[in-house]
Amino acid sequence: MPDKRILVVDAEVARRIDENRGDQNRSDFINVLIDTCLNENSTNKQGSVTKAQFEQFQQGTRELLRNFLEFFISYGLELGKPPKDKTFEELSQKLQSLGNSDNNL
């Protein structure tokens, strides 16, 4: 059985630990946090990404899709091809939803 020690933390820190630890006990949760912080550089080299990196990628992907759709729609209109079915309307709606989703990030 490992030695046990008492760690004194602010009440706010204890509250945040309890809100985020799920089924883990406090000690195990703090161990995971420490291991994650200490190994962050080596973990990221193994292919993991941070939340900020993922959100940046997600935003870039939406921007790329929006640009593609804008190009596709404007190219089709420049060729003088009037939309025959709901394709134009669907693409316009997708373009609008991509524009709206960027505002929610």
PDB file of N, CA and C in Angstrom:
ATOM      1  N   MET A   1       0.850  -1.179   0.000  1.00  0.00           N
ATOM      2  CA  MET A   1       0.000   0.000   0.000  1.00  0.00           C
ATOM      3  C   MET A   1       0.898   1.245   0.000  1.00  0.00           C
ATOM      4  N   PRO A   2       0.687   2.147  -0.962  1.00  0.00           N
ATOM      5  CA  PRO A   2       1.527   3.343  -1.043  1.00  0.00           C
ATOM      6  C   PRO A   2       1.259   4.288   0.123  1.00  0.00           C
ATOM      7  N   ASP A   3       2.288   5.081   0.432  1.00  0.00           N
ATOM      8  CA  ASP A   3       2.118   6.107   1.462  1.00  0.00           C
ATOM      9  C   ASP A   3       1.060   7.100   1.022  1.00  0.00           C
ATOM     10  N   LYS A   4       0.296   7.577   1.963  1.00  0.00           N
ATOM     11  CA  LYS A   4      -0.731   8.567   1.652  1.00  0.00           C
ATOM     12  C   LYS A   4      -0.371   9.871   2.340  1.00  0.00           C
ATOM     13  N   ARG A   5      -0.579  10.946   1.634  1.00  0.00           N
ATOM     14  CA  ARG A   5      -0.322  12.285   2.138  1.00  0.00           C
ATOM     15  C   ARG A   5      -1.556  13.137   1.891  1.00  0.00           C
ATOM     16  N   ILE A   6      -1.633  14.222   2.613  1.00  0.00           N
ATOM     17  CA  ILE A   6      -2.733  15.163   2.438  1.00  0.00           C
ATOM     18  C   ILE A   6      -2.229  16.313   1.591  1.00  0.00           C
ATOM     19  N   LEU A   7      -3.011  16.672   0.603  1.00  0.00           N
ATOM     20  CA  LEU A   7      -2.707  17.792  -0.267  1.00  0.00           C
ATOM     21  C   LEU A   7      -3.751  18.871  -0.003  1.00  0.00           C
ATOM     22  N   VAL A   8      -3.311  20.026   0.424  1.00  0.00           N
ATOM     23  CA  VAL A   8      -4.224  21.122   0.723  1.00  0.00           C
ATOM     24  C   VAL A   8      -4.363  21.980  -0.524  1.00  0.00           C
ATOM     25  N   VAL A   9      -5.600  22.140  -0.971  1.00  0.00           N
ATOM     26  CA  VAL A   9      -5.887  22.951  -2.154  1.00  0.00           C
ATOM     27  C   VAL A   9      -7.022  23.905  -1.820  1.00  0.00           C
ATOM     28  N   ASP A  10      -7.126  24.961  -2.610  1.00  0.00           N
ATOM     29  CA  ASP A  10      -8.228  25.914  -2.434  1.00  0.00           C
ATOM     30  C   ASP A  10      -9.553  25.201  -2.669  1.00  0.00           C
ATOM     31  N   ALA A  11     -10.599  25.706  -2.043  1.00  0.00           N
ATOM     32  CA  ALA A  11     -11.932  25.111  -2.194  1.00  0.00           C
ATOM     33  C   ALA A  11     -12.374  25.113  -3.647  1.00  0.00           C
ATOM     34  N   GLU A  12     -12.027  26.156  -4.387  1.00  0.00           N
ATOM     35  CA  GLU A  12     -12.390  26.251  -5.805  1.00  0.00           C
ATOM     36  C   GLU A  12     -11.730  25.134  -6.611  1.00  0.00           C
ATOM     37  N   VAL A  13     -10.471  24.842  -6.305  1.00  0.00           N
ATOM     38  CA  VAL A  13      -9.756  23.775  -7.008  1.00  0.00           C
ATOM     39  C   VAL A  13     -10.403  22.427  -6.697  1.00  0.00           C
ATOM     40  N   ALA A  14     -10.736  22.200  -5.449  1.00  0.00           N
ATOM     41  CA  ALA A  14     -11.387  20.948  -5.053  1.00  0.00           C
ATOM     42  C   ALA A  14     -12.737  20.803  -5.756  1.00  0.00           C
ATOM     43  N   ARG A  15     -13.472  21.913  -5.877  1.00  0.00           N
ATOM     44  CA  ARG A  15     -14.766  21.874  -6.558  1.00  0.00           C
ATOM     45  C   ARG A  15     -14.585  21.512  -8.030  1.00  0.00           C
ATOM     46  N   ARG A  16     -13.583  22.113  -8.690  1.00  0.00           N
ATOM     47  CA  ARG A  16     -13.334  21.827 -10.107  1.00  0.00           C
ATOM     48  C   ARG A  16     -12.908  20.377 -10.303  1.00  0.00           C
ATOM     49  N   ILE A  17     -12.124  19.855  -9.383  1.00  0.00           N
ATOM     50  CA  ILE A  17     -11.718  18.446  -9.452  1.00  0.00           C
ATOM     51  C   ILE A  17     -12.950  17.562  -9.368  1.00  0.00           C
ATOM     52  N   ASP A  18     -13.798  17.834  -8.395  1.00  0.00           N
ATOM     53  CA  ASP A  18     -14.996  17.007  -8.201  1.00  0.00           C
ATOM     54  C   ASP A  18     -15.953  17.091  -9.387  1.00  0.00           C
ATOM     55  N   GLU A  19     -16.044  18.269 -10.020  1.00  0.00           N
ATOM     56  CA  GLU A  19     -16.941  18.420 -11.164  1.00  0.00           C
ATOM     57  C   GLU A  19     -16.463  17.655 -12.391  1.00  0.00           C
ATOM     58  N   ASN A  20     -15.158  17.419 -12.492  1.00  0.00           N
ATOM     59  CA  ASN A  20     -14.604  16.853 -13.720  1.00  0.00           C
ATOM     60  C   ASN A  20     -14.041  15.450 -13.585  1.00  0.00           C
ATOM     61  N   ARG A  21     -14.014  14.890 -12.415  1.00  0.00           N
ATOM     62  CA  ARG A  21     -13.328  13.609 -12.239  1.00  0.00           C
ATOM     63  C   ARG A  21     -14.172  12.392 -12.585  1.00  0.00           C
ATOM     64  N   GLY A  22     -15.455  12.583 -12.760  1.00  0.00           N
ATOM     65  CA  GLY A  22     -16.308  11.453 -13.126  1.00  0.00           C
ATOM     66  C   GLY A  22     -16.302  10.387 -12.034  1.00  0.00           C
ATOM     67  N   ASP A  23     -16.051   9.123 -12.430  1.00  0.00           N
ATOM     68  CA  ASP A  23     -16.056   8.021 -11.481  1.00  0.00           C
ATOM     69  C   ASP A  23     -14.722   7.825 -10.781  1.00  0.00           C
ATOM     70  N   GLN A  24     -13.706   8.548 -11.198  1.00  0.00           N
ATOM     71  CA  GLN A  24     -12.388   8.405 -10.587  1.00  0.00           C
ATOM     72  C   GLN A  24     -12.380   9.053  -9.211  1.00  0.00           C
ATOM     73  N   ASN A  25     -11.520   8.508  -8.335  1.00  0.00           N
ATOM     74  CA  ASN A  25     -11.348   9.203  -7.066  1.00  0.00           C
ATOM     75  C   ASN A  25     -10.425  10.392  -7.298  1.00  0.00           C
ATOM     76  N   ARG A  26     -10.362  11.284  -6.342  1.00  0.00           N
ATOM     77  CA  ARG A  26      -9.580  12.512  -6.507  1.00  0.00           C
ATOM     78  C   ARG A  26      -8.114  12.223  -6.807  1.00  0.00           C
ATOM     79  N   SER A  27      -7.540  11.276  -6.118  1.00  0.00           N
ATOM     80  CA  SER A  27      -6.119  10.962  -6.284  1.00  0.00           C
ATOM     81  C   SER A  27      -5.827  10.476  -7.699  1.00  0.00           C
ATOM     82  N   ASP A  28      -6.644   9.556  -8.204  1.00  0.00           N
ATOM     83  CA  ASP A  28      -6.439   9.045  -9.567  1.00  0.00           C
ATOM     84  C   ASP A  28      -6.608  10.153 -10.597  1.00  0.00           C
ATOM     85  N   PHE A  29      -7.595  11.009 -10.388  1.00  0.00           N
ATOM     86  CA  PHE A  29      -7.837  12.108 -11.326  1.00  0.00           C
ATOM     87  C   PHE A  29      -6.643  13.066 -11.362  1.00  0.00           C
ATOM     88  N   ILE A  30      -6.113  13.415 -10.208  1.00  0.00           N
ATOM     89  CA  ILE A  30      -4.957  14.307 -10.155  1.00  0.00           C
ATOM     90  C   ILE A  30      -3.749  13.641 -10.798  1.00  0.00           C
ATOM     91  N   ASN A  31      -3.575  12.344 -10.605  1.00  0.00           N
ATOM     92  CA  ASN A  31      -2.482  11.617 -11.266  1.00  0.00           C
ATOM     93  C   ASN A  31      -2.599  11.701 -12.785  1.00  0.00           C
ATOM     94  N   VAL A  32      -3.797  11.524 -13.308  1.00  0.00           N
ATOM     95  CA  VAL A  32      -4.006  11.611 -14.749  1.00  0.00           C
ATOM     96  C   VAL A  32      -3.672  13.013 -15.251  1.00  0.00           C
ATOM     97  N   LEU A  33      -4.122  14.031 -14.522  1.00  0.00           N
ATOM     98  CA  LEU A  33      -3.832  15.405 -14.918  1.00  0.00           C
ATOM     99  C   LEU A  33      -2.330  15.676 -14.929  1.00  0.00           C
ATOM    100  N   ILE A  34      -1.643  15.228 -13.909  1.00  0.00           N
ATOM    101  CA  ILE A  34      -0.201  15.444 -13.835  1.00  0.00           C
ATOM    102  C   ILE A  34       0.505  14.699 -14.961  1.00  0.00           C
ATOM    103  N   ASP A  35       0.145  13.444 -15.168  1.00  0.00           N
ATOM    104  CA  ASP A  35       0.770  12.666 -16.247  1.00  0.00           C
ATOM    105  C   ASP A  35       0.514  13.314 -17.603  1.00  0.00           C
ATOM    106  N   THR A  36      -0.689  13.814 -17.809  1.00  0.00           N
ATOM    107  CA  THR A  36      -1.029  14.461 -19.074  1.00  0.00           C
ATOM    108  C   THR A  36      -0.182  15.711 -19.279  1.00  0.00           C
ATOM    109  N   CYS A  37      -0.059  16.513 -18.245  1.00  0.00           N
ATOM    110  CA  CYS A  37       0.728  17.753 -18.367  1.00  0.00           C
ATOM    111  C   CYS A  37       2.202  17.450 -18.571  1.00  0.00           C
ATOM    112  N   LEU A  38       2.733  16.499 -17.852  1.00  0.00           N
ATOM    113  CA  LEU A  38       4.155  16.187 -17.965  1.00  0.00           C
ATOM    114  C   LEU A  38       4.495  15.532 -19.287  1.00  0.00           C
ATOM    115  N   ASN A  39       3.562  14.791 -19.845  1.00  0.00           N
ATOM    116  CA  ASN A  39       3.812  14.076 -21.096  1.00  0.00           C
ATOM    117  C   ASN A  39       3.229  14.773 -22.308  1.00  0.00           C
ATOM    118  N   GLU A  40       2.779  16.019 -22.144  1.00  0.00           N
ATOM    119  CA  GLU A  40       2.097  16.709 -23.238  1.00  0.00           C
ATOM    120  C   GLU A  40       2.954  16.793 -24.487  1.00  0.00           C
ATOM    121  N   ASN A  41       4.206  17.148 -24.361  1.00  0.00           N
ATOM    122  CA  ASN A  41       5.063  17.278 -25.541  1.00  0.00           C
ATOM    123  C   ASN A  41       5.261  15.938 -26.236  1.00  0.00           C
ATOM    124  N   SER A  42       5.522  14.894 -25.481  1.00  0.00           N
ATOM    125  CA  SER A  42       5.740  13.593 -26.113  1.00  0.00           C
ATOM    126  C   SER A  42       4.443  13.027 -26.670  1.00  0.00           C
ATOM    127  N   THR A  43       3.309  13.299 -26.027  1.00  0.00           N
ATOM    128  CA  THR A  43       2.021  12.817 -26.528  1.00  0.00           C
ATOM    129  C   THR A  43       1.688  13.488 -27.847  1.00  0.00           C
ATOM    130  N   ASN A  44       1.897  14.791 -27.940  1.00  0.00           N
ATOM    131  CA  ASN A  44       1.572  15.488 -29.181  1.00  0.00           C
ATOM    132  C   ASN A  44       2.447  15.008 -30.321  1.00  0.00           C
ATOM    133  N   LYS A  45       3.663  14.548 -30.035  1.00  0.00           N
ATOM    134  CA  LYS A  45       4.515  14.007 -31.085  1.00  0.00           C
ATOM    135  C   LYS A  45       3.981  12.668 -31.592  1.00  0.00           C
ATOM    136  N   GLN A  46       3.156  12.015 -30.788  1.00  0.00           N
ATOM    137  CA  GLN A  46       2.612  10.716 -31.174  1.00  0.00           C
ATOM    138  C   GLN A  46       1.302  10.852 -31.946  1.00  0.00           C
ATOM    139  N   GLY A  47       0.896  12.054 -32.267  1.00  0.00           N
ATOM    140  CA  GLY A  47      -0.285  12.220 -33.092  1.00  0.00           C
ATOM    141  C   GLY A  47      -1.493  12.794 -32.390  1.00  0.00           C
ATOM    142  N   SER A  48      -1.444  13.063 -31.109  1.00  0.00           N
ATOM    143  CA  SER A  48      -2.581  13.664 -30.422  1.00  0.00           C
ATOM    144  C   SER A  48      -2.609  15.156 -30.694  1.00  0.00           C
ATOM    145  N   VAL A  49      -3.790  15.714 -30.642  1.00  0.00           N
ATOM    146  CA  VAL A  49      -3.936  17.147 -30.845  1.00  0.00           C
ATOM    147  C   VAL A  49      -4.662  17.750 -29.656  1.00  0.00           C
ATOM    148  N   THR A  50      -4.432  19.020 -29.454  1.00  0.00           N
ATOM    149  CA  THR A  50      -5.130  19.718 -28.388  1.00  0.00           C
ATOM    150  C   THR A  50      -6.505  20.154 -28.887  1.00  0.00           C
ATOM    151  N   LYS A  51      -7.346  20.544 -27.960  1.00  0.00           N
ATOM    152  CA  LYS A  51      -8.679  21.007 -28.322  1.00  0.00           C
ATOM    153  C   LYS A  51      -8.589  22.240 -29.219  1.00  0.00           C
ATOM    154  N   ALA A  52      -7.679  23.146 -28.891  1.00  0.00           N
ATOM    155  CA  ALA A  52      -7.520  24.366 -29.694  1.00  0.00           C
ATOM    156  C   ALA A  52      -7.076  24.028 -31.113  1.00  0.00           C
ATOM    157  N   GLN A  53      -6.153  23.063 -31.249  1.00  0.00           N
ATOM    158  CA  GLN A  53      -5.695  22.656 -32.574  1.00  0.00           C
ATOM    159  C   GLN A  53      -6.835  22.036 -33.370  1.00  0.00           C
ATOM    160  N   PHE A  54      -7.649  21.224 -32.715  1.00  0.00           N
ATOM    161  CA  PHE A  54      -8.773  20.592 -33.395  1.00  0.00           C
ATOM    162  C   PHE A  54      -9.794  21.638 -33.842  1.00  0.00           C
ATOM    163  N   GLU A  55     -10.097  22.605 -32.967  1.00  0.00           N
ATOM    164  CA  GLU A  55     -11.053  23.645 -33.333  1.00  0.00           C
ATOM    165  C   GLU A  55     -10.527  24.490 -34.492  1.00  0.00           C
ATOM    166  N   GLN A  56      -9.215  24.750 -34.513  1.00  0.00           N
ATOM    167  CA  GLN A  56      -8.619  25.497 -35.619  1.00  0.00           C
ATOM    168  C   GLN A  56      -8.742  24.700 -36.919  1.00  0.00           C
ATOM    169  N   PHE A  57      -8.490  23.401 -36.852  1.00  0.00           N
ATOM    170  CA  PHE A  57      -8.641  22.533 -38.017  1.00  0.00           C
ATOM    171  C   PHE A  57     -10.094  22.521 -38.498  1.00  0.00           C
ATOM    172  N   GLN A  58     -11.012  22.412 -37.553  1.00  0.00           N
ATOM    173  CA  GLN A  58     -12.434  22.379 -37.881  1.00  0.00           C
ATOM    174  C   GLN A  58     -12.859  23.678 -38.567  1.00  0.00           C
ATOM    175  N   GLN A  59     -12.413  24.809 -38.049  1.00  0.00           N
ATOM    176  CA  GLN A  59     -12.750  26.090 -38.640  1.00  0.00           C
ATOM    177  C   GLN A  59     -12.148  26.208 -40.044  1.00  0.00           C
ATOM    178  N   GLY A  60     -10.906  25.759 -40.221  1.00  0.00           N
ATOM    179  CA  GLY A  60     -10.271  25.790 -41.533  1.00  0.00           C
ATOM    180  C   GLY A  60     -10.991  24.917 -42.541  1.00  0.00           C
ATOM    181  N   THR A  61     -11.458  23.758 -42.093  1.00  0.00           N
ATOM    182  CA  THR A  61     -12.194  22.854 -42.971  1.00  0.00           C
ATOM    183  C   THR A  61     -13.514  23.476 -43.401  1.00  0.00           C
ATOM    184  N   ARG A  62     -14.207  24.105 -42.473  1.00  0.00           N
ATOM    185  CA  ARG A  62     -15.471  24.777 -42.828  1.00  0.00           C
ATOM    186  C   ARG A  62     -15.221  25.895 -43.830  1.00  0.00           C
ATOM    187  N   GLU A  63     -14.154  26.643 -43.603  1.00  0.00           N
ATOM    188  CA  GLU A  63     -13.826  27.736 -44.532  1.00  0.00           C
ATOM    189  C   GLU A  63     -13.521  27.189 -45.921  1.00  0.00           C
ATOM    190  N   LEU A  64     -12.772  26.086 -45.981  1.00  0.00           N
ATOM    191  CA  LEU A  64     -12.460  25.464 -47.263  1.00  0.00           C
ATOM    192  C   LEU A  64     -13.730  24.982 -47.961  1.00  0.00           C
ATOM    193  N   LEU A  65     -14.618  24.349 -47.231  1.00  0.00           N
ATOM    194  CA  LEU A  65     -15.884  23.884 -47.818  1.00  0.00           C
ATOM    195  C   LEU A  65     -16.729  25.050 -48.308  1.00  0.00           C
ATOM    196  N   ARG A  66     -16.778  26.109 -47.524  1.00  0.00           N
ATOM    197  CA  ARG A  66     -17.558  27.276 -47.927  1.00  0.00           C
ATOM    198  C   ARG A  66     -16.981  27.874 -49.209  1.00  0.00           C
ATOM    199  N   ASN A  67     -15.650  27.998 -49.275  1.00  0.00           N
ATOM    200  CA  ASN A  67     -15.018  28.533 -50.485  1.00  0.00           C
ATOM    201  C   ASN A  67     -15.285  27.648 -51.696  1.00  0.00           C
ATOM    202  N   PHE A  68     -15.231  26.331 -51.484  1.00  0.00           N
ATOM    203  CA  PHE A  68     -15.511  25.404 -52.573  1.00  0.00           C
ATOM    204  C   PHE A  68     -16.943  25.555 -53.062  1.00  0.00           C
ATOM    205  N   LEU A  69     -17.883  25.615 -52.134  1.00  0.00           N
ATOM    206  CA  LEU A  69     -19.280  25.760 -52.526  1.00  0.00           C
ATOM    207  C   LEU A  69     -19.523  27.088 -53.234  1.00  0.00           C
ATOM    208  N   GLU A  70     -18.917  28.163 -52.733  1.00  0.00           N
ATOM    209  CA  GLU A  70     -19.068  29.464 -53.398  1.00  0.00           C
ATOM    210  C   GLU A  70     -18.527  29.396 -54.821  1.00  0.00           C
ATOM    211  N   PHE A  71     -17.370  28.768 -54.989  1.00  0.00           N
ATOM    212  CA  PHE A  71     -16.789  28.628 -56.316  1.00  0.00           C
ATOM    213  C   PHE A  71     -17.707  27.798 -57.217  1.00  0.00           C
ATOM    214  N   PHE A  72     -18.168  26.673 -56.701  1.00  0.00           N
ATOM    215  CA  PHE A  72     -19.008  25.771 -57.473  1.00  0.00           C
ATOM    216  C   PHE A  72     -20.286  26.467 -57.927  1.00  0.00           C
ATOM    217  N   ILE A  73     -20.897  27.193 -57.011  1.00  0.00           N
ATOM    218  CA  ILE A  73     -22.145  27.882 -57.341  1.00  0.00           C
ATOM    219  C   ILE A  73     -21.893  28.994 -58.355  1.00  0.00           C
ATOM    220  N   SER A  74     -20.864  29.819 -58.092  1.00  0.00           N
ATOM    221  CA  SER A  74     -20.614  30.938 -59.003  1.00  0.00           C
ATOM    222  C   SER A  74     -20.138  30.441 -60.367  1.00  0.00           C
ATOM    223  N   TYR A  75     -19.366  29.376 -60.427  1.00  0.00           N
ATOM    224  CA  TYR A  75     -18.914  28.823 -61.700  1.00  0.00           C
ATOM    225  C   TYR A  75     -20.097  28.324 -62.515  1.00  0.00           C
ATOM    226  N   GLY A  76     -21.005  27.632 -61.845  1.00  0.00           N
ATOM    227  CA  GLY A  76     -22.191  27.132 -62.533  1.00  0.00           C
ATOM    228  C   GLY A  76     -23.061  28.258 -63.053  1.00  0.00           C
ATOM    229  N   LEU A  77     -23.169  29.333 -62.301  1.00  0.00           N
ATOM    230  CA  LEU A  77     -23.980  30.465 -62.736  1.00  0.00           C
ATOM    231  C   LEU A  77     -23.313  31.215 -63.878  1.00  0.00           C
ATOM    232  N   GLU A  78     -21.963  31.300 -63.870  1.00  0.00           N
ATOM    233  CA  GLU A  78     -21.250  31.983 -64.939  1.00  0.00           C
ATOM    234  C   GLU A  78     -21.391  31.248 -66.263  1.00  0.00           C
ATOM    235  N   LEU A  79     -21.517  29.946 -66.219  1.00  0.00           N
ATOM    236  CA  LEU A  79     -21.689  29.183 -67.439  1.00  0.00           C
ATOM    237  C   LEU A  79     -23.103  29.325 -67.990  1.00  0.00           C
ATOM    238  N   GLY A  80     -23.952  29.993 -67.249  1.00  0.00           N
ATOM    239  CA  GLY A  80     -25.313  30.233 -67.718  1.00  0.00           C
ATOM    240  C   GLY A  80     -26.215  29.038 -67.549  1.00  0.00           C
ATOM    241  N   LYS A  81     -25.840  28.139 -66.660  1.00  0.00           N
ATOM    242  CA  LYS A  81     -26.669  26.962 -66.438  1.00  0.00           C
ATOM    243  C   LYS A  81     -27.669  27.276 -65.320  1.00  0.00           C
ATOM    244  N   PRO A  82     -28.908  27.483 -65.685  1.00  0.00           N
ATOM    245  CA  PRO A  82     -29.886  27.721 -64.620  1.00  0.00           C
ATOM    246  C   PRO A  82     -30.119  26.422 -63.845  1.00  0.00           C
ATOM    247  N   PRO A  83     -30.250  26.502 -62.542  1.00  0.00           N
ATOM    248  CA  PRO A  83     -30.484  25.289 -61.761  1.00  0.00           C
ATOM    249  C   PRO A  83     -31.814  24.643 -62.139  1.00  0.00           C
ATOM    250  N   LYS A  84     -31.742  23.361 -62.496  1.00  0.00           N
ATOM    251  CA  LYS A  84     -32.937  22.650 -62.956  1.00  0.00           C
ATOM    252  C   LYS A  84     -33.668  21.945 -61.823  1.00  0.00           C
ATOM    253  N   ASP A  85     -32.946  21.629 -60.777  1.00  0.00           N
ATOM    254  CA  ASP A  85     -33.588  20.916 -59.679  1.00  0.00           C
ATOM    255  C   ASP A  85     -33.262  21.623 -58.367  1.00  0.00           C
ATOM    256  N   LYS A  86     -33.356  20.905 -57.302  1.00  0.00           N
ATOM    257  CA  LYS A  86     -33.136  21.504 -55.984  1.00  0.00           C
ATOM    258  C   LYS A  86     -31.662  21.565 -55.609  1.00  0.00           C
ATOM    259  N   THR A  87     -30.768  21.202 -56.518  1.00  0.00           N
ATOM    260  CA  THR A  87     -29.343  21.178 -56.212  1.00  0.00           C
ATOM    261  C   THR A  87     -28.847  22.555 -55.808  1.00  0.00           C
ATOM    262  N   PHE A  88     -29.206  23.569 -56.578  1.00  0.00           N
ATOM    263  CA  PHE A  88     -28.768  24.932 -56.280  1.00  0.00           C
ATOM    264  C   PHE A  88     -29.275  25.377 -54.910  1.00  0.00           C
ATOM    265  N   GLU A  89     -30.527  25.091 -54.644  1.00  0.00           N
ATOM    266  CA  GLU A  89     -31.129  25.465 -53.365  1.00  0.00           C
ATOM    267  C   GLU A  89     -30.437  24.738 -52.211  1.00  0.00           C
ATOM    268  N   GLU A  90     -30.149  23.446 -52.381  1.00  0.00           N
ATOM    269  CA  GLU A  90     -29.473  22.670 -51.340  1.00  0.00           C
ATOM    270  C   GLU A  90     -28.067  23.195 -51.084  1.00  0.00           C
ATOM    271  N   LEU A  91     -27.337  23.517 -52.169  1.00  0.00           N
ATOM    272  CA  LEU A  91     -25.990  24.055 -52.004  1.00  0.00           C
ATOM    273  C   LEU A  91     -26.028  25.417 -51.304  1.00  0.00           C
ATOM    274  N   SER A  92     -26.994  26.226 -51.644  1.00  0.00           N
ATOM    275  CA  SER A  92     -27.130  27.526 -50.987  1.00  0.00           C
ATOM    276  C   SER A  92     -27.419  27.363 -49.498  1.00  0.00           C
ATOM    277  N   GLN A  93     -28.265  26.406 -49.163  1.00  0.00           N
ATOM    278  CA  GLN A  93     -28.568  26.145 -47.755  1.00  0.00           C
ATOM    279  C   GLN A  93     -27.342  25.644 -47.016  1.00  0.00           C
ATOM    280  N   LYS A  94     -26.568  24.766 -47.652  1.00  0.00           N
ATOM    281  CA  LYS A  94     -25.341  24.267 -47.025  1.00  0.00           C
ATOM    282  C   LYS A  94     -24.350  25.405 -46.813  1.00  0.00           C
ATOM    283  N   LEU A  95     -24.262  26.273 -47.787  1.00  0.00           N
ATOM    284  CA  LEU A  95     -23.377  27.428 -47.688  1.00  0.00           C
ATOM    285  C   LEU A  95     -23.797  28.318 -46.523  1.00  0.00           C
ATOM    286  N   GLN A  96     -25.090  28.548 -46.391  1.00  0.00           N
ATOM    287  CA  GLN A  96     -25.593  29.353 -45.279  1.00  0.00           C
ATOM    288  C   GLN A  96     -25.317  28.682 -43.942  1.00  0.00           C
ATOM    289  N   SER A  97     -25.514  27.358 -43.860  1.00  0.00           N
ATOM    290  CA  SER A  97     -25.283  26.663 -42.592  1.00  0.00           C
ATOM    291  C   SER A  97     -23.810  26.669 -42.209  1.00  0.00           C
ATOM    292  N   LEU A  98     -22.925  26.581 -43.201  1.00  0.00           N
ATOM    293  CA  LEU A  98     -21.498  26.674 -42.900  1.00  0.00           C
ATOM    294  C   LEU A  98     -21.144  28.054 -42.389  1.00  0.00           C
ATOM    295  N   GLY A  99     -21.745  29.067 -42.962  1.00  0.00           N
ATOM    296  CA  GLY A  99     -21.501  30.427 -42.501  1.00  0.00           C
ATOM    297  C   GLY A  99     -21.997  30.633 -41.089  1.00  0.00           C
ATOM    298  N   ASN A 100     -23.151  30.056 -40.766  1.00  0.00           N
ATOM    299  CA  ASN A 100     -23.715  30.173 -39.425  1.00  0.00           C
ATOM    300  C   ASN A 100     -22.909  29.384 -38.408  1.00  0.00           C
ATOM    301  N   SER A 101     -22.384  28.230 -38.778  1.00  0.00           N
ATOM    302  CA  SER A 101     -21.655  27.400 -37.815  1.00  0.00           C
ATOM    303  C   SER A 101     -20.340  28.035 -37.416  1.00  0.00           C
ATOM    304  N   ASP A 102     -19.712  28.840 -38.292  1.00  0.00           N
ATOM    305  CA  ASP A 102     -18.482  29.546 -37.928  1.00  0.00           C
ATOM    306  C   ASP A 102     -18.762  30.576 -36.847  1.00  0.00           C
ATOM    307  N   ASN A 103     -19.929  31.179 -36.885  1.00  0.00           N
ATOM    308  CA  ASN A 103     -20.272  32.183 -35.877  1.00  0.00           C
ATOM    309  C   ASN A 103     -20.474  31.564 -34.519  1.00  0.00           C
ATOM    310  N   ASN A 104     -20.783  30.263 -34.462  1.00  0.00           N
ATOM    311  CA  ASN A 104     -21.039  29.589 -33.199  1.00  0.00           C
ATOM    312  C   ASN A 104     -19.774  29.063 -32.546  1.00  0.00           C
ATOM    313  N   LEU A 105     -18.630  29.120 -33.219  1.00  0.00           N
ATOM    314  CA  LEU A 105     -17.413  28.584 -32.635  1.00  0.00           C
ATOM    315  C   LEU A 105     -16.858  29.465 -31.579  1.00  0.00           C
TER     316      LEU A 105
END
